[in-house]
mmCIF file of all heavy atoms, coordinates in Angstrom:
data_MODEL
# 
_entry.id   MODEL 
# 
loop_
_atom_site.group_PDB 
_atom_site.id 
_atom_site.type_symbol 
_atom_site.label_atom_id 
_atom_site.label_alt_id 
_atom_site.label_comp_id 
_atom_site.label_asym_id 
_atom_site.label_entity_id 
_atom_site.label_seq_id 
_atom_site.pdbx_PDB_ins_code 
_atom_site.Cartn_x 
_atom_site.Cartn_y 
_atom_site.Cartn_z 
_atom_site.occupancy 
_atom_site.B_iso_or_equiv 
_atom_site.pdbx_formal_charge 
_atom_site.auth_seq_id 
_atom_site.auth_comp_id 
_atom_site.auth_asym_id 
_atom_site.auth_atom_id 
_atom_site.pdbx_PDB_model_num 
ATOM 1   N N   . ALA A 1 1  ? 22.399 5.392   5.819  1.00 0.00 ? 1  ALA A N   1 
ATOM 2   C CA  . ALA A 1 1  ? 20.880 5.240   5.792  1.00 0.00 ? 1  ALA A CA  1 
ATOM 3   C C   . ALA A 1 1  ? 20.507 3.921   6.098  1.00 0.00 ? 1  ALA A C   1 
ATOM 4   O O   . ALA A 1 1  ? 21.347 2.930   5.900  1.00 0.00 ? 1  ALA A O   1 
ATOM 5   C CB  . ALA A 1 1  ? 20.355 5.790   4.427  1.00 0.00 ? 1  ALA A CB  1 
ATOM 6   N N   . THR A 1 2  ? 19.262 3.795   6.701  1.00 0.00 ? 2  THR A N   1 
ATOM 7   C CA  . THR A 1 2  ? 18.729 2.454   6.840  1.00 0.00 ? 2  THR A CA  1 
ATOM 8   C C   . THR A 1 2  ? 18.390 1.810   5.502  1.00 0.00 ? 2  THR A C   1 
ATOM 9   O O   . THR A 1 2  ? 18.418 2.492   4.500  1.00 0.00 ? 2  THR A O   1 
ATOM 10  C CB  . THR A 1 2  ? 17.425 2.534   7.784  1.00 0.00 ? 2  THR A CB  1 
ATOM 11  O OG1 . THR A 1 2  ? 16.672 3.627   7.250  1.00 0.00 ? 2  THR A OG1 1 
ATOM 12  C CG2 . THR A 1 2  ? 17.817 2.916   9.172  1.00 0.00 ? 2  THR A CG2 1 
ATOM 13  N N   . GLY A 1 3  ? 17.975 0.540   5.541  1.00 0.00 ? 3  GLY A N   1 
ATOM 14  C CA  . GLY A 1 3  ? 17.547 -0.121  4.304  1.00 0.00 ? 3  GLY A CA  1 
ATOM 15  C C   . GLY A 1 3  ? 18.287 -1.437  4.113  1.00 0.00 ? 3  GLY A C   1 
ATOM 16  O O   . GLY A 1 3  ? 18.635 -2.064  5.184  1.00 0.00 ? 3  GLY A O   1 
ATOM 17  N N   . ASN A 1 4  ? 18.459 -1.948  2.926  1.00 0.00 ? 4  ASN A N   1 
ATOM 18  C CA  . ASN A 1 4  ? 19.156 -3.163  2.785  1.00 0.00 ? 4  ASN A CA  1 
ATOM 19  C C   . ASN A 1 4  ? 19.881 -3.145  1.440  1.00 0.00 ? 4  ASN A C   1 
ATOM 20  O O   . ASN A 1 4  ? 19.640 -2.228  0.588  1.00 0.00 ? 4  ASN A O   1 
ATOM 21  C CB  . ASN A 1 4  ? 18.216 -4.408  2.898  1.00 0.00 ? 4  ASN A CB  1 
ATOM 22  C CG  . ASN A 1 4  ? 17.023 -4.370  1.836  1.00 0.00 ? 4  ASN A CG  1 
ATOM 23  O OD1 . ASN A 1 4  ? 17.411 -4.486  0.593  1.00 0.00 ? 4  ASN A OD1 1 
ATOM 24  N ND2 . ASN A 1 4  ? 15.841 -4.038  2.288  1.00 0.00 ? 4  ASN A ND2 1 
ATOM 25  N N   . THR A 1 5  ? 20.749 -4.067  1.216  1.00 0.00 ? 5  THR A N   1 
ATOM 26  C CA  . THR A 1 5  ? 21.592 -4.069  0.072  1.00 0.00 ? 5  THR A CA  1 
ATOM 27  C C   . THR A 1 5  ? 20.922 -4.510  -1.196 1.00 0.00 ? 5  THR A C   1 
ATOM 28  O O   . THR A 1 5  ? 21.586 -4.583  -2.287 1.00 0.00 ? 5  THR A O   1 
ATOM 29  C CB  . THR A 1 5  ? 22.870 -4.929  0.270  1.00 0.00 ? 5  THR A CB  1 
ATOM 30  O OG1 . THR A 1 5  ? 22.518 -6.245  0.635  1.00 0.00 ? 5  THR A OG1 1 
ATOM 31  C CG2 . THR A 1 5  ? 23.640 -4.266  1.433  1.00 0.00 ? 5  THR A CG2 1 
ATOM 32  N N   . THR A 1 6  ? 19.665 -5.024  -1.166 1.00 0.00 ? 6  THR A N   1 
ATOM 33  C CA  . THR A 1 6  ? 19.070 -5.582  -2.308 1.00 0.00 ? 6  THR A CA  1 
ATOM 34  C C   . THR A 1 6  ? 17.965 -4.574  -2.781 1.00 0.00 ? 6  THR A C   1 
ATOM 35  O O   . THR A 1 6  ? 17.264 -4.979  -3.765 1.00 0.00 ? 6  THR A O   1 
ATOM 36  C CB  . THR A 1 6  ? 18.338 -6.916  -2.042 1.00 0.00 ? 6  THR A CB  1 
ATOM 37  O OG1 . THR A 1 6  ? 17.407 -6.814  -0.952 1.00 0.00 ? 6  THR A OG1 1 
ATOM 38  C CG2 . THR A 1 6  ? 19.400 -7.945  -1.581 1.00 0.00 ? 6  THR A CG2 1 
ATOM 39  N N   . ASP A 1 7  ? 17.743 -3.402  -2.150 1.00 0.00 ? 7  ASP A N   1 
ATOM 40  C CA  . ASP A 1 7  ? 16.706 -2.503  -2.581 1.00 0.00 ? 7  ASP A CA  1 
ATOM 41  C C   . ASP A 1 7  ? 17.326 -1.072  -2.700 1.00 0.00 ? 7  ASP A C   1 
ATOM 42  O O   . ASP A 1 7  ? 17.606 -0.411  -1.736 1.00 0.00 ? 7  ASP A O   1 
ATOM 43  C CB  . ASP A 1 7  ? 15.620 -2.426  -1.498 1.00 0.00 ? 7  ASP A CB  1 
ATOM 44  C CG  . ASP A 1 7  ? 14.277 -1.738  -2.083 1.00 0.00 ? 7  ASP A CG  1 
ATOM 45  O OD1 . ASP A 1 7  ? 14.420 -0.989  -3.129 1.00 0.00 ? 7  ASP A OD1 1 
ATOM 46  O OD2 . ASP A 1 7  ? 13.318 -1.793  -1.396 1.00 0.00 ? 7  ASP A OD2 1 
ATOM 47  N N   . ARG A 1 8  ? 17.623 -0.678  -3.983 1.00 0.00 ? 8  ARG A N   1 
ATOM 48  C CA  . ARG A 1 8  ? 18.352 0.499   -4.190 1.00 0.00 ? 8  ARG A CA  1 
ATOM 49  C C   . ARG A 1 8  ? 17.424 1.697   -4.242 1.00 0.00 ? 8  ARG A C   1 
ATOM 50  O O   . ARG A 1 8  ? 17.774 2.814   -4.389 1.00 0.00 ? 8  ARG A O   1 
ATOM 51  C CB  . ARG A 1 8  ? 19.115 0.390   -5.530 1.00 0.00 ? 8  ARG A CB  1 
ATOM 52  C CG  . ARG A 1 8  ? 18.154 0.109   -6.694 1.00 0.00 ? 8  ARG A CG  1 
ATOM 53  C CD  . ARG A 1 8  ? 18.918 -0.690  -7.879 1.00 0.00 ? 8  ARG A CD  1 
ATOM 54  N NE  . ARG A 1 8  ? 19.822 -1.574  -7.461 1.00 0.00 ? 8  ARG A NE  1 
ATOM 55  C CZ  . ARG A 1 8  ? 19.536 -2.795  -7.078 1.00 0.00 ? 8  ARG A CZ  1 
ATOM 56  N NH1 . ARG A 1 8  ? 18.323 -3.179  -6.977 1.00 0.00 ? 8  ARG A NH1 1 
ATOM 57  N NH2 . ARG A 1 8  ? 20.558 -3.643  -6.734 1.00 0.00 ? 8  ARG A NH2 1 
ATOM 58  N N   . VAL A 1 9  ? 16.050 1.468   -4.326 1.00 0.00 ? 9  VAL A N   1 
ATOM 59  C CA  . VAL A 1 9  ? 15.133 2.586   -4.402 1.00 0.00 ? 9  VAL A CA  1 
ATOM 60  C C   . VAL A 1 9  ? 14.357 2.822   -3.097 1.00 0.00 ? 9  VAL A C   1 
ATOM 61  O O   . VAL A 1 9  ? 13.263 3.517   -3.152 1.00 0.00 ? 9  VAL A O   1 
ATOM 62  C CB  . VAL A 1 9  ? 14.178 2.333   -5.610 1.00 0.00 ? 9  VAL A CB  1 
ATOM 63  C CG1 . VAL A 1 9  ? 14.866 2.484   -6.912 1.00 0.00 ? 9  VAL A CG1 1 
ATOM 64  C CG2 . VAL A 1 9  ? 13.486 0.928   -5.512 1.00 0.00 ? 9  VAL A CG2 1 
ATOM 65  N N   . SER A 1 10 ? 14.765 2.351   -2.060 1.00 0.00 ? 10 SER A N   1 
ATOM 66  C CA  . SER A 1 10 ? 14.068 2.511   -0.802 1.00 0.00 ? 10 SER A CA  1 
ATOM 67  C C   . SER A 1 10 ? 15.115 2.482   0.345  1.00 0.00 ? 10 SER A C   1 
ATOM 68  O O   . SER A 1 10 ? 16.042 1.585   0.327  1.00 0.00 ? 10 SER A O   1 
ATOM 69  C CB  . SER A 1 10 ? 13.006 1.502   -0.560 1.00 0.00 ? 10 SER A CB  1 
ATOM 70  O OG  . SER A 1 10 ? 12.350 1.662   0.711  1.00 0.00 ? 10 SER A OG  1 
ATOM 71  N N   . THR A 1 11 ? 14.938 3.347   1.369  1.00 0.00 ? 11 THR A N   1 
ATOM 72  C CA  . THR A 1 11 ? 15.798 3.295   2.566  1.00 0.00 ? 11 THR A CA  1 
ATOM 73  C C   . THR A 1 11 ? 14.860 2.997   3.817  1.00 0.00 ? 11 THR A C   1 
ATOM 74  O O   . THR A 1 11 ? 15.321 3.393   4.879  1.00 0.00 ? 11 THR A O   1 
ATOM 75  C CB  . THR A 1 11 ? 16.510 4.684   2.713  1.00 0.00 ? 11 THR A CB  1 
ATOM 76  O OG1 . THR A 1 11 ? 15.585 5.673   2.599  1.00 0.00 ? 11 THR A OG1 1 
ATOM 77  C CG2 . THR A 1 11 ? 17.639 4.849   1.782  1.00 0.00 ? 11 THR A CG2 1 
ATOM 78  N N   . ASN A 1 12 ? 13.662 2.440   3.580  1.00 0.00 ? 12 ASN A N   1 
ATOM 79  C CA  . ASN A 1 12 ? 12.820 2.040   4.608  1.00 0.00 ? 12 ASN A CA  1 
ATOM 80  C C   . ASN A 1 12 ? 13.233 0.788   5.379  1.00 0.00 ? 12 ASN A C   1 
ATOM 81  O O   . ASN A 1 12 ? 13.753 -0.117  4.668  1.00 0.00 ? 12 ASN A O   1 
ATOM 82  C CB  . ASN A 1 12 ? 11.401 1.956   4.108  1.00 0.00 ? 12 ASN A CB  1 
ATOM 83  C CG  . ASN A 1 12 ? 10.711 3.194   3.670  1.00 0.00 ? 12 ASN A CG  1 
ATOM 84  O OD1 . ASN A 1 12 ? 10.811 4.236   4.374  1.00 0.00 ? 12 ASN A OD1 1 
ATOM 85  N ND2 . ASN A 1 12 ? 10.094 3.141   2.552  1.00 0.00 ? 12 ASN A ND2 1 
ATOM 86  N N   . GLN A 1 13 ? 12.974 0.780   6.606  1.00 0.00 ? 13 GLN A N   1 
ATOM 87  C CA  . GLN A 1 13 ? 13.180 -0.467  7.360  1.00 0.00 ? 13 GLN A CA  1 
ATOM 88  C C   . GLN A 1 13 ? 11.854 -0.823  8.083  1.00 0.00 ? 13 GLN A C   1 
ATOM 89  O O   . GLN A 1 13 ? 11.293 -0.025  8.795  1.00 0.00 ? 13 GLN A O   1 
ATOM 90  C CB  . GLN A 1 13 ? 14.181 -0.230  8.447  1.00 0.00 ? 13 GLN A CB  1 
ATOM 91  C CG  . GLN A 1 13 ? 14.379 -1.367  9.509  1.00 0.00 ? 13 GLN A CG  1 
ATOM 92  C CD  . GLN A 1 13 ? 14.835 -2.742  8.824  1.00 0.00 ? 13 GLN A CD  1 
ATOM 93  O OE1 . GLN A 1 13 ? 15.917 -2.631  8.175  1.00 0.00 ? 13 GLN A OE1 1 
ATOM 94  N NE2 . GLN A 1 13 ? 14.147 -3.747  8.849  1.00 0.00 ? 13 GLN A NE2 1 
ATOM 95  N N   . THR A 1 14 ? 11.302 -2.009  7.659  1.00 0.00 ? 14 THR A N   1 
ATOM 96  C CA  . THR A 1 14 ? 9.958  -2.417  8.202  1.00 0.00 ? 14 THR A CA  1 
ATOM 97  C C   . THR A 1 14 ? 10.164 -2.906  9.591  1.00 0.00 ? 14 THR A C   1 
ATOM 98  O O   . THR A 1 14 ? 10.978 -3.708  9.980  1.00 0.00 ? 14 THR A O   1 
ATOM 99  C CB  . THR A 1 14 ? 9.374  -3.526  7.260  1.00 0.00 ? 14 THR A CB  1 
ATOM 100 O OG1 . THR A 1 14 ? 9.220  -3.011  5.940  1.00 0.00 ? 14 THR A OG1 1 
ATOM 101 C CG2 . THR A 1 14 ? 7.959  -3.879  7.855  1.00 0.00 ? 14 THR A CG2 1 
ATOM 102 N N   . MET A 1 15 ? 9.206  -2.458  10.507 1.00 0.00 ? 15 MET A N   1 
ATOM 103 C CA  . MET A 1 15 ? 9.242  -2.921  11.857 1.00 0.00 ? 15 MET A CA  1 
ATOM 104 C C   . MET A 1 15 ? 8.684  -4.283  11.989 1.00 0.00 ? 15 MET A C   1 
ATOM 105 O O   . MET A 1 15 ? 7.910  -4.695  11.193 1.00 0.00 ? 15 MET A O   1 
ATOM 106 C CB  . MET A 1 15 ? 8.471  -1.867  12.716 1.00 0.00 ? 15 MET A CB  1 
ATOM 107 C CG  . MET A 1 15 ? 8.985  -0.536  12.806 1.00 0.00 ? 15 MET A CG  1 
ATOM 108 S SD  . MET A 1 15 ? 8.026  0.484   13.919 1.00 0.00 ? 15 MET A SD  1 
ATOM 109 C CE  . MET A 1 15 ? 8.515  2.202   13.502 1.00 0.00 ? 15 MET A CE  1 
ATOM 110 N N   . GLY A 1 16 ? 9.150  -4.975  13.009 1.00 0.00 ? 16 GLY A N   1 
ATOM 111 C CA  . GLY A 1 16 ? 8.603  -6.347  13.272 1.00 0.00 ? 16 GLY A CA  1 
ATOM 112 C C   . GLY A 1 16 ? 9.706  -7.377  13.017 1.00 0.00 ? 16 GLY A C   1 
ATOM 113 O O   . GLY A 1 16 ? 9.477  -8.372  12.322 1.00 0.00 ? 16 GLY A O   1 
ATOM 114 N N   . GLN A 1 17 ? 10.917 -7.008  13.427 1.00 0.00 ? 17 GLN A N   1 
ATOM 115 C CA  . GLN A 1 17 ? 12.203 -7.875  13.272 1.00 0.00 ? 17 GLN A CA  1 
ATOM 116 C C   . GLN A 1 17 ? 12.492 -8.511  14.599 1.00 0.00 ? 17 GLN A C   1 
ATOM 117 O O   . GLN A 1 17 ? 13.711 -8.789  14.877 1.00 0.00 ? 17 GLN A O   1 
ATOM 118 C CB  . GLN A 1 17 ? 13.295 -7.057  12.694 1.00 0.00 ? 17 GLN A CB  1 
ATOM 119 C CG  . GLN A 1 17 ? 12.908 -6.211  11.453 1.00 0.00 ? 17 GLN A CG  1 
ATOM 120 C CD  . GLN A 1 17 ? 12.556 -7.066  10.250 1.00 0.00 ? 17 GLN A CD  1 
ATOM 121 O OE1 . GLN A 1 17 ? 13.091 -8.178  10.108 1.00 0.00 ? 17 GLN A OE1 1 
ATOM 122 N NE2 . GLN A 1 17 ? 11.590 -6.611  9.549  1.00 0.00 ? 17 GLN A NE2 1 
ATOM 123 N N   . ASP A 1 18 ? 11.465 -8.876  15.451 1.00 0.00 ? 18 ASP A N   1 
ATOM 124 C CA  . ASP A 1 18 ? 11.809 -9.490  16.777 1.00 0.00 ? 18 ASP A CA  1 
ATOM 125 C C   . ASP A 1 18 ? 12.779 -8.608  17.498 1.00 0.00 ? 18 ASP A C   1 
ATOM 126 O O   . ASP A 1 18 ? 13.729 -9.137  18.279 1.00 0.00 ? 18 ASP A O   1 
ATOM 127 C CB  . ASP A 1 18 ? 12.321 -10.938 16.584 1.00 0.00 ? 18 ASP A CB  1 
ATOM 128 C CG  . ASP A 1 18 ? 11.298 -11.823 15.995 1.00 0.00 ? 18 ASP A CG  1 
ATOM 129 O OD1 . ASP A 1 18 ? 10.013 -11.635 16.356 1.00 0.00 ? 18 ASP A OD1 1 
ATOM 130 O OD2 . ASP A 1 18 ? 11.505 -12.678 15.170 1.00 0.00 ? 18 ASP A OD2 1 
ATOM 131 N N   . PHE A 1 19 ? 12.736 -7.292  17.485 1.00 0.00 ? 19 PHE A N   1 
ATOM 132 C CA  . PHE A 1 19 ? 13.543 -6.333  18.148 1.00 0.00 ? 19 PHE A CA  1 
ATOM 133 C C   . PHE A 1 19 ? 14.949 -6.438  17.727 1.00 0.00 ? 19 PHE A C   1 
ATOM 134 O O   . PHE A 1 19 ? 15.952 -5.953  18.481 1.00 0.00 ? 19 PHE A O   1 
ATOM 135 C CB  . PHE A 1 19 ? 13.473 -6.515  19.594 1.00 0.00 ? 19 PHE A CB  1 
ATOM 136 C CG  . PHE A 1 19 ? 12.190 -6.267  20.304 1.00 0.00 ? 19 PHE A CG  1 
ATOM 137 C CD1 . PHE A 1 19 ? 11.795 -6.707  21.546 1.00 0.00 ? 19 PHE A CD1 1 
ATOM 138 C CD2 . PHE A 1 19 ? 11.216 -5.478  19.568 1.00 0.00 ? 19 PHE A CD2 1 
ATOM 139 C CE1 . PHE A 1 19 ? 10.590 -6.393  22.040 1.00 0.00 ? 19 PHE A CE1 1 
ATOM 140 C CE2 . PHE A 1 19 ? 10.016 -5.228  20.111 1.00 0.00 ? 19 PHE A CE2 1 
ATOM 141 C CZ  . PHE A 1 19 ? 9.656  -5.647  21.309 1.00 0.00 ? 19 PHE A CZ  1 
ATOM 142 N N   . ASN A 1 20 ? 15.221 -7.055  16.558 1.00 0.00 ? 20 ASN A N   1 
ATOM 143 C CA  . ASN A 1 20 ? 16.614 -7.088  16.013 1.00 0.00 ? 20 ASN A CA  1 
ATOM 144 C C   . ASN A 1 20 ? 17.127 -5.717  15.515 1.00 0.00 ? 20 ASN A C   1 
ATOM 145 O O   . ASN A 1 20 ? 16.174 -4.798  15.286 1.00 0.00 ? 20 ASN A O   1 
ATOM 146 C CB  . ASN A 1 20 ? 16.638 -8.076  14.797 1.00 0.00 ? 20 ASN A CB  1 
ATOM 147 C CG  . ASN A 1 20 ? 18.064 -8.590  14.691 1.00 0.00 ? 20 ASN A CG  1 
ATOM 148 O OD1 . ASN A 1 20 ? 19.067 -8.262  15.272 1.00 0.00 ? 20 ASN A OD1 1 
ATOM 149 N ND2 . ASN A 1 20 ? 18.182 -9.409  13.571 1.00 0.00 ? 20 ASN A ND2 1 
ATOM 150 N N   . LYS A 1 21 ? 18.278 -5.505  15.465 1.00 0.00 ? 21 LYS A N   1 
ATOM 151 C CA  . LYS A 1 21 ? 18.900 -4.196  15.105 1.00 0.00 ? 21 LYS A CA  1 
ATOM 152 C C   . LYS A 1 21 ? 18.859 -3.980  13.576 1.00 0.00 ? 21 LYS A C   1 
ATOM 153 O O   . LYS A 1 21 ? 18.743 -4.976  12.821 1.00 0.00 ? 21 LYS A O   1 
ATOM 154 C CB  . LYS A 1 21 ? 20.330 -4.103  15.558 1.00 0.00 ? 21 LYS A CB  1 
ATOM 155 C CG  . LYS A 1 21 ? 20.551 -4.163  17.076 1.00 0.00 ? 21 LYS A CG  1 
ATOM 156 C CD  . LYS A 1 21 ? 21.974 -4.159  17.505 1.00 0.00 ? 21 LYS A CD  1 
ATOM 157 C CE  . LYS A 1 21 ? 22.637 -5.390  17.314 1.00 0.00 ? 21 LYS A CE  1 
ATOM 158 N NZ  . LYS A 1 21 ? 22.142 -6.504  18.184 1.00 0.00 ? 21 LYS A NZ  1 
ATOM 159 N N   . TYR A 1 22 ? 18.844 -2.656  13.164 1.00 0.00 ? 22 TYR A N   1 
ATOM 160 C CA  . TYR A 1 22 ? 18.712 -2.434  11.803 1.00 0.00 ? 22 TYR A CA  1 
ATOM 161 C C   . TYR A 1 22 ? 20.171 -2.256  11.221 1.00 0.00 ? 22 TYR A C   1 
ATOM 162 O O   . TYR A 1 22 ? 21.149 -1.973  11.871 1.00 0.00 ? 22 TYR A O   1 
ATOM 163 C CB  . TYR A 1 22 ? 18.001 -1.123  11.648 1.00 0.00 ? 22 TYR A CB  1 
ATOM 164 C CG  . TYR A 1 22 ? 16.575 -1.058  12.113 1.00 0.00 ? 22 TYR A CG  1 
ATOM 165 C CD1 . TYR A 1 22 ? 15.906 0.145   12.429 1.00 0.00 ? 22 TYR A CD1 1 
ATOM 166 C CD2 . TYR A 1 22 ? 15.860 -2.245  12.231 1.00 0.00 ? 22 TYR A CD2 1 
ATOM 167 C CE1 . TYR A 1 22 ? 14.662 0.143   12.931 1.00 0.00 ? 22 TYR A CE1 1 
ATOM 168 C CE2 . TYR A 1 22 ? 14.591 -2.262  12.642 1.00 0.00 ? 22 TYR A CE2 1 
ATOM 169 C CZ  . TYR A 1 22 ? 13.876 -1.068  13.003 1.00 0.00 ? 22 TYR A CZ  1 
ATOM 170 O OH  . TYR A 1 22 ? 12.697 -1.045  13.483 1.00 0.00 ? 22 TYR A OH  1 
ATOM 171 N N   . GLN A 1 23 ? 20.247 -2.590  9.878  1.00 0.00 ? 23 GLN A N   1 
ATOM 172 C CA  . GLN A 1 23 ? 21.382 -2.200  9.169  1.00 0.00 ? 23 GLN A CA  1 
ATOM 173 C C   . GLN A 1 23 ? 21.515 -0.706  8.826  1.00 0.00 ? 23 GLN A C   1 
ATOM 174 O O   . GLN A 1 23 ? 20.446 -0.027  8.622  1.00 0.00 ? 23 GLN A O   1 
ATOM 175 C CB  . GLN A 1 23 ? 21.419 -2.945  7.849  1.00 0.00 ? 23 GLN A CB  1 
ATOM 176 C CG  . GLN A 1 23 ? 21.357 -4.501  7.940  1.00 0.00 ? 23 GLN A CG  1 
ATOM 177 C CD  . GLN A 1 23 ? 21.300 -5.156  6.539  1.00 0.00 ? 23 GLN A CD  1 
ATOM 178 O OE1 . GLN A 1 23 ? 22.370 -5.226  5.948  1.00 0.00 ? 23 GLN A OE1 1 
ATOM 179 N NE2 . GLN A 1 23 ? 20.146 -5.454  6.049  1.00 0.00 ? 23 GLN A NE2 1 
ATOM 180 N N   . LEU A 1 24 ? 22.674 -0.133  8.938  1.00 0.00 ? 24 LEU A N   1 
ATOM 181 C CA  . LEU A 1 24 ? 22.994 1.207   8.552  1.00 0.00 ? 24 LEU A CA  1 
ATOM 182 C C   . LEU A 1 24 ? 24.047 1.110   7.373  1.00 0.00 ? 24 LEU A C   1 
ATOM 183 O O   . LEU A 1 24 ? 25.168 0.776   7.649  1.00 0.00 ? 24 LEU A O   1 
ATOM 184 C CB  . LEU A 1 24 ? 23.493 2.043   9.774  1.00 0.00 ? 24 LEU A CB  1 
ATOM 185 C CG  . LEU A 1 24 ? 23.405 3.551   9.666  1.00 0.00 ? 24 LEU A CG  1 
ATOM 186 C CD1 . LEU A 1 24 ? 21.996 3.940   9.362  1.00 0.00 ? 24 LEU A CD1 1 
ATOM 187 C CD2 . LEU A 1 24 ? 23.986 4.212   10.744 1.00 0.00 ? 24 LEU A CD2 1 
ATOM 188 N N   . LEU A 1 25 ? 23.616 1.590   6.254  1.00 0.00 ? 25 LEU A N   1 
ATOM 189 C CA  . LEU A 1 25 ? 24.402 1.310   4.976  1.00 0.00 ? 25 LEU A CA  1 
ATOM 190 C C   . LEU A 1 25 ? 24.976 2.634   4.509  1.00 0.00 ? 25 LEU A C   1 
ATOM 191 O O   . LEU A 1 25 ? 24.416 3.690   4.706  1.00 0.00 ? 25 LEU A O   1 
ATOM 192 C CB  . LEU A 1 25 ? 23.578 0.573   3.942  1.00 0.00 ? 25 LEU A CB  1 
ATOM 193 C CG  . LEU A 1 25 ? 22.944 -0.668  4.440  1.00 0.00 ? 25 LEU A CG  1 
ATOM 194 C CD1 . LEU A 1 25 ? 21.974 -1.098  3.339  1.00 0.00 ? 25 LEU A CD1 1 
ATOM 195 C CD2 . LEU A 1 25 ? 23.931 -1.755  4.719  1.00 0.00 ? 25 LEU A CD2 1 
ATOM 196 N N   . VAL A 1 26 ? 26.014 2.572   3.636  1.00 0.00 ? 26 VAL A N   1 
ATOM 197 C CA  . VAL A 1 26 ? 26.591 3.678   3.077  1.00 0.00 ? 26 VAL A CA  1 
ATOM 198 C C   . VAL A 1 26 ? 25.640 4.049   1.768  1.00 0.00 ? 26 VAL A C   1 
ATOM 199 O O   . VAL A 1 26 ? 25.573 3.343   0.857  1.00 0.00 ? 26 VAL A O   1 
ATOM 200 C CB  . VAL A 1 26 ? 28.070 3.401   2.517  1.00 0.00 ? 26 VAL A CB  1 
ATOM 201 C CG1 . VAL A 1 26 ? 28.567 4.668   1.761  1.00 0.00 ? 26 VAL A CG1 1 
ATOM 202 C CG2 . VAL A 1 26 ? 28.881 3.154   3.718  1.00 0.00 ? 26 VAL A CG2 1 
ATOM 203 N N   . ASP A 1 27 ? 24.970 5.199   2.032  1.00 0.00 ? 27 ASP A N   1 
ATOM 204 C CA  . ASP A 1 27 ? 23.947 5.598   1.007  1.00 0.00 ? 27 ASP A CA  1 
ATOM 205 C C   . ASP A 1 27 ? 24.669 6.545   -0.048 1.00 0.00 ? 27 ASP A C   1 
ATOM 206 O O   . ASP A 1 27 ? 24.289 6.542   -1.241 1.00 0.00 ? 27 ASP A O   1 
ATOM 207 C CB  . ASP A 1 27 ? 22.764 6.328   1.641  1.00 0.00 ? 27 ASP A CB  1 
ATOM 208 C CG  . ASP A 1 27 ? 21.677 6.583   0.708  1.00 0.00 ? 27 ASP A CG  1 
ATOM 209 O OD1 . ASP A 1 27 ? 21.361 5.677   -0.111 1.00 0.00 ? 27 ASP A OD1 1 
ATOM 210 O OD2 . ASP A 1 27 ? 21.012 7.613   0.809  1.00 0.00 ? 27 ASP A OD2 1 
ATOM 211 N N   . ARG A 1 28 ? 25.591 7.294   0.451  1.00 0.00 ? 28 ARG A N   1 
ATOM 212 C CA  . ARG A 1 28 ? 26.436 8.135   -0.455 1.00 0.00 ? 28 ARG A CA  1 
ATOM 213 C C   . ARG A 1 28 ? 27.764 8.186   -0.024 1.00 0.00 ? 28 ARG A C   1 
ATOM 214 O O   . ARG A 1 28 ? 28.052 8.188   1.179  1.00 0.00 ? 28 ARG A O   1 
ATOM 215 C CB  . ARG A 1 28 ? 25.830 9.625   -0.520 1.00 0.00 ? 28 ARG A CB  1 
ATOM 216 C CG  . ARG A 1 28 ? 24.521 9.741   -1.133 1.00 0.00 ? 28 ARG A CG  1 
ATOM 217 C CD  . ARG A 1 28 ? 24.035 11.294  -1.127 1.00 0.00 ? 28 ARG A CD  1 
ATOM 218 N NE  . ARG A 1 28 ? 22.622 11.338  -1.598 1.00 0.00 ? 28 ARG A NE  1 
ATOM 219 C CZ  . ARG A 1 28 ? 21.936 12.462  -1.470 1.00 0.00 ? 28 ARG A CZ  1 
ATOM 220 N NH1 . ARG A 1 28 ? 22.516 13.587  -0.821 1.00 0.00 ? 28 ARG A NH1 1 
ATOM 221 N NH2 . ARG A 1 28 ? 20.689 12.474  -1.924 1.00 0.00 ? 28 ARG A NH2 1 
ATOM 222 N N   . ALA A 1 29 ? 28.793 8.320   -0.874 1.00 0.00 ? 29 ALA A N   1 
ATOM 223 C CA  . ALA A 1 29 ? 30.150 8.499   -0.542 1.00 0.00 ? 29 ALA A CA  1 
ATOM 224 C C   . ALA A 1 29 ? 30.804 9.052   -1.822 1.00 0.00 ? 29 ALA A C   1 
ATOM 225 O O   . ALA A 1 29 ? 31.049 8.350   -2.821 1.00 0.00 ? 29 ALA A O   1 
ATOM 226 C CB  . ALA A 1 29 ? 30.825 7.236   -0.246 1.00 0.00 ? 29 ALA A CB  1 
# 
């Protein structure tokens, strides 16, 4: 899932990152 490693209650990725790529993290395993 998208998101970041410091926010466990959201998988949202905010647009406006100077076209930088998004992180794809392990949400379940």
